[in-house]
Amino acid sequence: MGFFIIISGLAGGCLLSVLVGIIGSRRTIGFTLAFLLSLLFTPLVGLIITLLCDPRSDIEPHNGCLDTLLAIVGGFFVLLALLMFFSVGMAAV
């Protein structure tokens, strides 16, 4: 039971970090730095730092949502890697 709580917490943190990264992609901080700050600290701290950065002025409006889709798929693979890592670790015990 405790194992699944830890996995759920890590998965939720990764998902929130991806969302902070998506917000950061429209600001001067960028997706990568916002995402890494959210992982390093907490998603709340990453969000505050991201929102303190200025919005980018060179962004054109677009109709697609490819960047959001890529971020969600990337987050899914991070989740999958964490799940495999911890499941292999638990099988060894």
PDB file of N, CA and C in Angstrom:
ATOM      1  N   MET A   1       0.824  -1.193   0.000  1.00  0.00           N
ATOM      2  CA  MET A   1       0.000   0.000   0.000  1.00  0.00           C
ATOM      3  C   MET A   1       0.866   1.254   0.000  1.00  0.00           C
ATOM      4  N   GLY A   2       1.903   1.294   0.814  1.00  0.00           N
ATOM      5  CA  GLY A   2       2.779   2.449   0.890  1.00  0.00           C
ATOM      6  C   GLY A   2       3.531   2.689  -0.413  1.00  0.00           C
ATOM      7  N   PHE A   3       3.849   1.589  -1.120  1.00  0.00           N
ATOM      8  CA  PHE A   3       4.551   1.691  -2.387  1.00  0.00           C
ATOM      9  C   PHE A   3       3.718   2.456  -3.407  1.00  0.00           C
ATOM     10  N   PHE A   4       2.439   2.166  -3.472  1.00  0.00           N
ATOM     11  CA  PHE A   4       1.568   2.832  -4.434  1.00  0.00           C
ATOM     12  C   PHE A   4       1.333   4.297  -4.075  1.00  0.00           C
ATOM     13  N   ILE A   5       1.378   4.624  -2.812  1.00  0.00           N
ATOM     14  CA  ILE A   5       1.259   6.026  -2.399  1.00  0.00           C
ATOM     15  C   ILE A   5       2.487   6.803  -2.858  1.00  0.00           C
ATOM     16  N   ILE A   6       3.655   6.200  -2.723  1.00  0.00           N
ATOM     17  CA  ILE A   6       4.882   6.856  -3.172  1.00  0.00           C
ATOM     18  C   ILE A   6       4.864   7.034  -4.681  1.00  0.00           C
ATOM     19  N   ILE A   7       4.471   5.996  -5.407  1.00  0.00           N
ATOM     20  CA  ILE A   7       4.396   6.075  -6.871  1.00  0.00           C
ATOM     21  C   ILE A   7       3.400   7.141  -7.289  1.00  0.00           C
ATOM     22  N   SER A   8       2.255   7.198  -6.627  1.00  0.00           N
ATOM     23  CA  SER A   8       1.247   8.204  -6.960  1.00  0.00           C
ATOM     24  C   SER A   8       1.767   9.612  -6.702  1.00  0.00           C
ATOM     25  N   GLY A   9       2.487   9.795  -5.603  1.00  0.00           N
ATOM     26  CA  GLY A   9       3.066  11.099  -5.306  1.00  0.00           C
ATOM     27  C   GLY A   9       4.100  11.518  -6.332  1.00  0.00           C
ATOM     28  N   LEU A  10       4.963  10.575  -6.716  1.00  0.00           N
ATOM     29  CA  LEU A  10       5.966  10.881  -7.740  1.00  0.00           C
ATOM     30  C   LEU A  10       5.321  11.165  -9.090  1.00  0.00           C
ATOM     31  N   ALA A  11       4.309  10.383  -9.441  1.00  0.00           N
ATOM     32  CA  ALA A  11       3.622  10.591 -10.707  1.00  0.00           C
ATOM     33  C   ALA A  11       2.914  11.944 -10.724  1.00  0.00           C
ATOM     34  N   GLY A  12       2.269  12.284  -9.629  1.00  0.00           N
ATOM     35  CA  GLY A  12       1.596  13.577  -9.552  1.00  0.00           C
ATOM     36  C   GLY A  12       2.575  14.730  -9.623  1.00  0.00           C
ATOM     37  N   GLY A  13       3.716  14.587  -8.953  1.00  0.00           N
ATOM     38  CA  GLY A  13       4.748  15.627  -9.007  1.00  0.00           C
ATOM     39  C   GLY A  13       5.312  15.801 -10.402  1.00  0.00           C
ATOM     40  N   CYS A  14       5.529  14.687 -11.101  1.00  0.00           N
ATOM     41  CA  CYS A  14       6.033  14.762 -12.475  1.00  0.00           C
ATOM     42  C   CYS A  14       5.010  15.402 -13.397  1.00  0.00           C
ATOM     43  N   LEU A  15       3.757  15.050 -13.236  1.00  0.00           N
ATOM     44  CA  LEU A  15       2.711  15.636 -14.070  1.00  0.00           C
ATOM     45  C   LEU A  15       2.584  17.135 -13.822  1.00  0.00           C
ATOM     46  N   LEU A  16       2.617  17.543 -12.575  1.00  0.00           N
ATOM     47  CA  LEU A  16       2.552  18.969 -12.268  1.00  0.00           C
ATOM     48  C   LEU A  16       3.790  19.702 -12.779  1.00  0.00           C
ATOM     49  N   SER A  17       4.938  19.051 -12.746  1.00  0.00           N
ATOM     50  CA  SER A  17       6.151  19.671 -13.277  1.00  0.00           C
ATOM     51  C   SER A  17       6.064  19.862 -14.780  1.00  0.00           C
ATOM     52  N   VAL A  18       5.461  18.905 -15.470  1.00  0.00           N
ATOM     53  CA  VAL A  18       5.251  19.048 -16.915  1.00  0.00           C
ATOM     54  C   VAL A  18       4.314  20.223 -17.188  1.00  0.00           C
ATOM     55  N   LEU A  19       3.274  20.365 -16.386  1.00  0.00           N
ATOM     56  CA  LEU A  19       2.355  21.489 -16.581  1.00  0.00           C
ATOM     57  C   LEU A  19       3.045  22.831 -16.329  1.00  0.00           C
ATOM     58  N   VAL A  20       3.911  22.889 -15.327  1.00  0.00           N
ATOM     59  CA  VAL A  20       4.682  24.111 -15.085  1.00  0.00           C
ATOM     60  C   VAL A  20       5.622  24.373 -16.265  1.00  0.00           C
ATOM     61  N   GLY A  21       6.189  23.325 -16.824  1.00  0.00           N
ATOM     62  CA  GLY A  21       7.036  23.472 -18.004  1.00  0.00           C
ATOM     63  C   GLY A  21       6.273  24.022 -19.198  1.00  0.00           C
ATOM     64  N   ILE A  22       5.032  23.584 -19.360  1.00  0.00           N
ATOM     65  CA  ILE A  22       4.209  24.103 -20.451  1.00  0.00           C
ATOM     66  C   ILE A  22       3.959  25.588 -20.255  1.00  0.00           C
ATOM     67  N   ILE A  23       3.693  25.995 -19.026  1.00  0.00           N
ATOM     68  CA  ILE A  23       3.521  27.426 -18.750  1.00  0.00           C
ATOM     69  C   ILE A  23       4.831  28.164 -19.025  1.00  0.00           C
ATOM     70  N   GLY A  24       5.945  27.563 -18.654  1.00  0.00           N
ATOM     71  CA  GLY A  24       7.246  28.189 -18.870  1.00  0.00           C
ATOM     72  C   GLY A  24       7.636  28.300 -20.329  1.00  0.00           C
ATOM     73  N   SER A  25       7.062  27.468 -21.189  1.00  0.00           N
ATOM     74  CA  SER A  25       7.409  27.532 -22.605  1.00  0.00           C
ATOM     75  C   SER A  25       6.933  28.834 -23.247  1.00  0.00           C
ATOM     76  N   ARG A  26       5.990  29.508 -22.646  1.00  0.00           N
ATOM     77  CA  ARG A  26       5.492  30.790 -23.143  1.00  0.00           C
ATOM     78  C   ARG A  26       6.169  31.974 -22.455  1.00  0.00           C
ATOM     79  N   ARG A  27       7.171  31.694 -21.642  1.00  0.00           N
ATOM     80  CA  ARG A  27       7.862  32.760 -20.904  1.00  0.00           C
ATOM     81  C   ARG A  27       9.354  32.683 -21.190  1.00  0.00           C
ATOM     82  N   THR A  28      10.092  33.683 -20.722  1.00  0.00           N
ATOM     83  CA  THR A  28      11.520  33.745 -21.021  1.00  0.00           C
ATOM     84  C   THR A  28      12.303  32.606 -20.368  1.00  0.00           C
ATOM     85  N   ILE A  29      11.768  31.993 -19.351  1.00  0.00           N
ATOM     86  CA  ILE A  29      12.467  30.906 -18.664  1.00  0.00           C
ATOM     87  C   ILE A  29      12.531  29.648 -19.531  1.00  0.00           C
ATOM     88  N   GLY A  30      11.533  29.413 -20.359  1.00  0.00           N
ATOM     89  CA  GLY A  30      11.515  28.259 -21.237  1.00  0.00           C
ATOM     90  C   GLY A  30      10.990  27.003 -20.544  1.00  0.00           C
ATOM     91  N   PHE A  31      10.638  26.019 -21.364  1.00  0.00           N
ATOM     92  CA  PHE A  31      10.076  24.773 -20.843  1.00  0.00           C
ATOM     93  C   PHE A  31      11.075  24.023 -19.979  1.00  0.00           C
ATOM     94  N   THR A  32      12.287  23.858 -20.499  1.00  0.00           N
ATOM     95  CA  THR A  32      13.262  22.994 -19.845  1.00  0.00           C
ATOM     96  C   THR A  32      13.629  23.490 -18.454  1.00  0.00           C
ATOM     97  N   LEU A  33      13.946  24.774 -18.347  1.00  0.00           N
ATOM     98  CA  LEU A  33      14.350  25.289 -17.042  1.00  0.00           C
ATOM     99  C   LEU A  33      13.189  25.289 -16.050  1.00  0.00           C
ATOM    100  N   ALA A  34      11.992  25.624 -16.524  1.00  0.00           N
ATOM    101  CA  ALA A  34      10.827  25.595 -15.631  1.00  0.00           C
ATOM    102  C   ALA A  34      10.546  24.170 -15.163  1.00  0.00           C
ATOM    103  N   PHE A  35      10.665  23.213 -16.067  1.00  0.00           N
ATOM    104  CA  PHE A  35      10.442  21.812 -15.717  1.00  0.00           C
ATOM    105  C   PHE A  35      11.485  21.318 -14.716  1.00  0.00           C
ATOM    106  N   LEU A  36      12.755  21.633 -14.963  1.00  0.00           N
ATOM    107  CA  LEU A  36      13.807  21.176 -14.060  1.00  0.00           C
ATOM    108  C   LEU A  36      13.710  21.825 -12.688  1.00  0.00           C
ATOM    109  N   LEU A  37      13.364  23.107 -12.643  1.00  0.00           N
ATOM    110  CA  LEU A  37      13.180  23.761 -11.347  1.00  0.00           C
ATOM    111  C   LEU A  37      12.018  23.135 -10.580  1.00  0.00           C
ATOM    112  N   SER A  38      10.975  22.765 -11.301  1.00  0.00           N
ATOM    113  CA  SER A  38       9.829  22.126 -10.654  1.00  0.00           C
ATOM    114  C   SER A  38      10.189  20.754 -10.119  1.00  0.00           C
ATOM    115  N   LEU A  39      11.028  20.033 -10.826  1.00  0.00           N
ATOM    116  CA  LEU A  39      11.467  18.726 -10.336  1.00  0.00           C
ATOM    117  C   LEU A  39      12.434  18.870  -9.173  1.00  0.00           C
ATOM    118  N   LEU A  40      13.336  19.852  -9.266  1.00  0.00           N
ATOM    119  CA  LEU A  40      14.351  20.029  -8.238  1.00  0.00           C
ATOM    120  C   LEU A  40      13.741  20.490  -6.926  1.00  0.00           C
ATOM    121  N   PHE A  41      12.865  21.474  -6.979  1.00  0.00           N
ATOM    122  CA  PHE A  41      12.208  21.966  -5.780  1.00  0.00           C
ATOM    123  C   PHE A  41      10.834  21.308  -5.683  1.00  0.00           C
ATOM    124  N   THR A  42       9.788  22.061  -5.813  1.00  0.00           N
ATOM    125  CA  THR A  42       8.435  21.508  -5.873  1.00  0.00           C
ATOM    126  C   THR A  42       7.727  22.186  -7.032  1.00  0.00           C
ATOM    127  N   PRO A  43       6.645  21.589  -7.546  1.00  0.00           N
ATOM    128  CA  PRO A  43       5.922  22.257  -8.624  1.00  0.00           C
ATOM    129  C   PRO A  43       5.396  23.643  -8.230  1.00  0.00           C
ATOM    130  N   LEU A  44       5.071  23.848  -6.966  1.00  0.00           N
ATOM    131  CA  LEU A  44       4.589  25.162  -6.536  1.00  0.00           C
ATOM    132  C   LEU A  44       5.701  26.207  -6.623  1.00  0.00           C
ATOM    133  N   VAL A  45       6.901  25.865  -6.165  1.00  0.00           N
ATOM    134  CA  VAL A  45       8.035  26.790  -6.253  1.00  0.00           C
ATOM    135  C   VAL A  45       8.384  27.047  -7.723  1.00  0.00           C
ATOM    136  N   GLY A  46       8.367  25.999  -8.526  1.00  0.00           N
ATOM    137  CA  GLY A  46       8.629  26.164  -9.959  1.00  0.00           C
ATOM    138  C   GLY A  46       7.608  27.057 -10.627  1.00  0.00           C
ATOM    139  N   LEU A  47       6.342  26.921 -10.233  1.00  0.00           N
ATOM    140  CA  LEU A  47       5.299  27.761 -10.804  1.00  0.00           C
ATOM    141  C   LEU A  47       5.491  29.220 -10.411  1.00  0.00           C
ATOM    142  N   ILE A  48       5.846  29.472  -9.167  1.00  0.00           N
ATOM    143  CA  ILE A  48       6.058  30.847  -8.718  1.00  0.00           C
ATOM    144  C   ILE A  48       7.231  31.471  -9.476  1.00  0.00           C
ATOM    145  N   ILE A  49       8.325  30.735  -9.611  1.00  0.00           N
ATOM    146  CA  ILE A  49       9.479  31.259 -10.347  1.00  0.00           C
ATOM    147  C   ILE A  49       9.120  31.486 -11.806  1.00  0.00           C
ATOM    148  N   THR A  50       8.367  30.578 -12.405  1.00  0.00           N
ATOM    149  CA  THR A  50       7.961  30.702 -13.794  1.00  0.00           C
ATOM    150  C   THR A  50       7.069  31.916 -14.003  1.00  0.00           C
ATOM    151  N   LEU A  51       6.132  32.126 -13.106  1.00  0.00           N
ATOM    152  CA  LEU A  51       5.228  33.266 -13.259  1.00  0.00           C
ATOM    153  C   LEU A  51       5.925  34.594 -12.998  1.00  0.00           C
ATOM    154  N   LEU A  52       7.037  34.580 -12.281  1.00  0.00           N
ATOM    155  CA  LEU A  52       7.796  35.813 -12.064  1.00  0.00           C
ATOM    156  C   LEU A  52       8.594  36.225 -13.296  1.00  0.00           C
ATOM    157  N   CYS A  53       8.841  35.288 -14.214  1.00  0.00           N
ATOM    158  CA  CYS A  53       9.566  35.607 -15.447  1.00  0.00           C
ATOM    159  C   CYS A  53       8.633  36.304 -16.433  1.00  0.00           C
ATOM    160  N   ASP A  54       9.230  37.127 -17.280  1.00  0.00           N
ATOM    161  CA  ASP A  54       8.448  37.881 -18.262  1.00  0.00           C
ATOM    162  C   ASP A  54       7.931  36.977 -19.380  1.00  0.00           C
ATOM    163  N   PRO A  55       6.754  37.289 -19.919  1.00  0.00           N
ATOM    164  CA  PRO A  55       6.271  36.545 -21.089  1.00  0.00           C
ATOM    165  C   PRO A  55       7.145  36.846 -22.305  1.00  0.00           C
ATOM    166  N   ARG A  56       7.285  35.867 -23.174  1.00  0.00           N
ATOM    167  CA  ARG A  56       8.064  36.069 -24.396  1.00  0.00           C
ATOM    168  C   ARG A  56       7.257  36.882 -25.386  1.00  0.00           C
ATOM    169  N   SER A  57       7.928  37.782 -26.064  1.00  0.00           N
ATOM    170  CA  SER A  57       7.231  38.632 -27.029  1.00  0.00           C
ATOM    171  C   SER A  57       7.320  38.089 -28.450  1.00  0.00           C
ATOM    172  N   ASP A  58       8.179  37.109 -28.682  1.00  0.00           N
ATOM    173  CA  ASP A  58       8.368  36.581 -30.039  1.00  0.00           C
ATOM    174  C   ASP A  58       7.465  35.393 -30.366  1.00  0.00           C
ATOM    175  N   ILE A  59       6.494  35.129 -29.529  1.00  0.00           N
ATOM    176  CA  ILE A  59       5.620  33.978 -29.748  1.00  0.00           C
ATOM    177  C   ILE A  59       4.467  34.385 -30.658  1.00  0.00           C
ATOM    178  N   GLU A  60       4.291  33.598 -31.701  1.00  0.00           N
ATOM    179  CA  GLU A  60       3.172  33.818 -32.601  1.00  0.00           C
ATOM    180  C   GLU A  60       2.001  32.946 -32.158  1.00  0.00           C
ATOM    181  N   PRO A  61       0.789  33.440 -32.320  1.00  0.00           N
ATOM    182  CA  PRO A  61      -0.360  32.573 -32.016  1.00  0.00           C
ATOM    183  C   PRO A  61      -0.405  31.411 -33.007  1.00  0.00           C
ATOM    184  N   HIS A  62      -0.736  30.245 -32.520  1.00  0.00           N
ATOM    185  CA  HIS A  62      -0.829  29.078 -33.393  1.00  0.00           C
ATOM    186  C   HIS A  62      -2.101  28.305 -33.061  1.00  0.00           C
ATOM    187  N   ASN A  63      -2.507  27.510 -34.006  1.00  0.00           N
ATOM    188  CA  ASN A  63      -3.758  26.773 -33.852  1.00  0.00           C
ATOM    189  C   ASN A  63      -3.554  25.369 -33.295  1.00  0.00           C
ATOM    190  N   GLY A  64      -2.360  24.827 -33.437  1.00  0.00           N
ATOM    191  CA  GLY A  64      -2.125  23.452 -33.015  1.00  0.00           C
ATOM    192  C   GLY A  64      -1.782  23.347 -31.545  1.00  0.00           C
ATOM    193  N   CYS A  65      -1.761  22.130 -31.075  1.00  0.00           N
ATOM    194  CA  CYS A  65      -1.402  21.892 -29.672  1.00  0.00           C
ATOM    195  C   CYS A  65      -0.322  20.829 -29.608  1.00  0.00           C
ATOM    196  N   LEU A  66       0.599  20.862 -30.569  1.00  0.00           N
ATOM    197  CA  LEU A  66       1.639  19.845 -30.645  1.00  0.00           C
ATOM    198  C   LEU A  66       2.578  19.911 -29.439  1.00  0.00           C
ATOM    199  N   ASP A  67       2.927  21.131 -28.999  1.00  0.00           N
ATOM    200  CA  ASP A  67       3.833  21.231 -27.861  1.00  0.00           C
ATOM    201  C   ASP A  67       3.199  20.670 -26.591  1.00  0.00           C
ATOM    202  N   THR A  68       1.917  20.894 -26.406  1.00  0.00           N
ATOM    203  CA  THR A  68       1.224  20.339 -25.243  1.00  0.00           C
ATOM    204  C   THR A  68       1.169  18.822 -25.326  1.00  0.00           C
ATOM    205  N   LEU A  69       0.881  18.315 -26.509  1.00  0.00           N
ATOM    206  CA  LEU A  69       0.835  16.865 -26.694  1.00  0.00           C
ATOM    207  C   LEU A  69       2.202  16.235 -26.425  1.00  0.00           C
ATOM    208  N   LEU A  70       3.270  16.863 -26.925  1.00  0.00           N
ATOM    209  CA  LEU A  70       4.610  16.338 -26.674  1.00  0.00           C
ATOM    210  C   LEU A  70       4.957  16.378 -25.194  1.00  0.00           C
ATOM    211  N   ALA A  71       4.548  17.428 -24.513  1.00  0.00           N
ATOM    212  CA  ALA A  71       4.828  17.521 -23.077  1.00  0.00           C
ATOM    213  C   ALA A  71       4.078  16.433 -22.303  1.00  0.00           C
ATOM    214  N   ILE A  72       2.837  16.176 -22.680  1.00  0.00           N
ATOM    215  CA  ILE A  72       2.056  15.146 -22.002  1.00  0.00           C
ATOM    216  C   ILE A  72       2.644  13.763 -22.271  1.00  0.00           C
ATOM    217  N   VAL A  73       3.028  13.513 -23.516  1.00  0.00           N
ATOM    218  CA  VAL A  73       3.634  12.219 -23.852  1.00  0.00           C
ATOM    219  C   VAL A  73       4.972  12.067 -23.121  1.00  0.00           C
ATOM    220  N   GLY A  74       5.757  13.150 -23.057  1.00  0.00           N
ATOM    221  CA  GLY A  74       7.018  13.103 -22.314  1.00  0.00           C
ATOM    222  C   GLY A  74       6.803  12.809 -20.847  1.00  0.00           C
ATOM    223  N   GLY A  75       5.795  13.451 -20.260  1.00  0.00           N
ATOM    224  CA  GLY A  75       5.461  13.181 -18.867  1.00  0.00           C
ATOM    225  C   GLY A  75       5.030  11.745 -18.647  1.00  0.00           C
ATOM    226  N   PHE A  76       4.287  11.210 -19.621  1.00  0.00           N
ATOM    227  CA  PHE A  76       3.865   9.814 -19.529  1.00  0.00           C
ATOM    228  C   PHE A  76       5.069   8.879 -19.520  1.00  0.00           C
ATOM    229  N   PHE A  77       6.069   9.166 -20.371  1.00  0.00           N
ATOM    230  CA  PHE A  77       7.246   8.308 -20.407  1.00  0.00           C
ATOM    231  C   PHE A  77       8.094   8.443 -19.146  1.00  0.00           C
ATOM    232  N   VAL A  78       8.126   9.622 -18.557  1.00  0.00           N
ATOM    233  CA  VAL A  78       8.816   9.785 -17.275  1.00  0.00           C
ATOM    234  C   VAL A  78       8.116   8.943 -16.218  1.00  0.00           C
ATOM    235  N   LEU A  79       6.791   8.997 -16.217  1.00  0.00           N
ATOM    236  CA  LEU A  79       6.004   8.190 -15.283  1.00  0.00           C
ATOM    237  C   LEU A  79       6.267   6.701 -15.484  1.00  0.00           C
ATOM    238  N   LEU A  80       6.263   6.286 -16.734  1.00  0.00           N
ATOM    239  CA  LEU A  80       6.488   4.884 -17.058  1.00  0.00           C
ATOM    240  C   LEU A  80       7.884   4.440 -16.613  1.00  0.00           C
ATOM    241  N   ALA A  81       8.887   5.294 -16.823  1.00  0.00           N
ATOM    242  CA  ALA A  81      10.245   4.954 -16.401  1.00  0.00           C
ATOM    243  C   ALA A  81      10.331   4.840 -14.887  1.00  0.00           C
ATOM    244  N   LEU A  82       9.679   5.744 -14.163  1.00  0.00           N
ATOM    245  CA  LEU A  82       9.679   5.662 -12.705  1.00  0.00           C
ATOM    246  C   LEU A  82       8.976   4.401 -12.218  1.00  0.00           C
ATOM    247  N   LEU A  83       7.863   4.087 -12.853  1.00  0.00           N
ATOM    248  CA  LEU A  83       7.126   2.891 -12.468  1.00  0.00           C
ATOM    249  C   LEU A  83       7.960   1.633 -12.700  1.00  0.00           C
ATOM    250  N   MET A  84       8.633   1.563 -13.837  1.00  0.00           N
ATOM    251  CA  MET A  84       9.483   0.394 -14.121  1.00  0.00           C
ATOM    252  C   MET A  84      10.658   0.335 -13.160  1.00  0.00           C
ATOM    253  N   PHE A  85      11.234   1.488 -12.853  1.00  0.00           N
ATOM    254  CA  PHE A  85      12.368   1.528 -11.935  1.00  0.00           C
ATOM    255  C   PHE A  85      11.986   1.002 -10.563  1.00  0.00           C
ATOM    256  N   PHE A  86      10.855   1.483 -10.054  1.00  0.00           N
ATOM    257  CA  PHE A  86      10.450   1.071  -8.718  1.00  0.00           C
ATOM    258  C   PHE A  86       9.889  -0.352  -8.698  1.00  0.00           C
ATOM    259  N   SER A  87       9.274  -0.800  -9.773  1.00  0.00           N
ATOM    260  CA  SER A  87       8.760  -2.163  -9.780  1.00  0.00           C
ATOM    261  C   SER A  87       9.895  -3.183  -9.856  1.00  0.00           C
ATOM    262  N   VAL A  88      10.944  -2.870 -10.570  1.00  0.00           N
ATOM    263  CA  VAL A  88      12.113  -3.753 -10.622  1.00  0.00           C
ATOM    264  C   VAL A  88      12.797  -3.757  -9.256  1.00  0.00           C
ATOM    265  N   GLY A  89      12.866  -2.607  -8.622  1.00  0.00           N
ATOM    266  CA  GLY A  89      13.461  -2.524  -7.289  1.00  0.00           C
ATOM    267  C   GLY A  89      12.679  -3.316  -6.260  1.00  0.00           C
ATOM    268  N   MET A  90      11.369  -3.291  -6.364  1.00  0.00           N
ATOM    269  CA  MET A  90      10.538  -4.046  -5.423  1.00  0.00           C
ATOM    270  C   MET A  90      10.591  -5.543  -5.702  1.00  0.00           C
ATOM    271  N   ALA A  91      10.790  -5.930  -6.963  1.00  0.00           N
ATOM    272  CA  ALA A  91      10.871  -7.346  -7.276  1.00  0.00           C
ATOM    273  C   ALA A  91      12.175  -7.946  -6.752  1.00  0.00           C
ATOM    274  N   ALA A  92      13.214  -7.118  -6.649  1.00  0.00           N
ATOM    275  CA  ALA A  92      14.496  -7.612  -6.150  1.00  0.00           C
ATOM    276  C   ALA A  92      14.464  -7.852  -4.626  1.00  0.00           C
ATOM    277  N   VAL A  93      13.539  -7.176  -3.959  1.00  0.00           N
ATOM    278  CA  VAL A  93      13.460  -7.297  -2.497  1.00  0.00           C
ATOM    279  C   VAL A  93      12.784  -8.527  -2.115  1.00  0.00           C
TER     280      VAL A  93
END
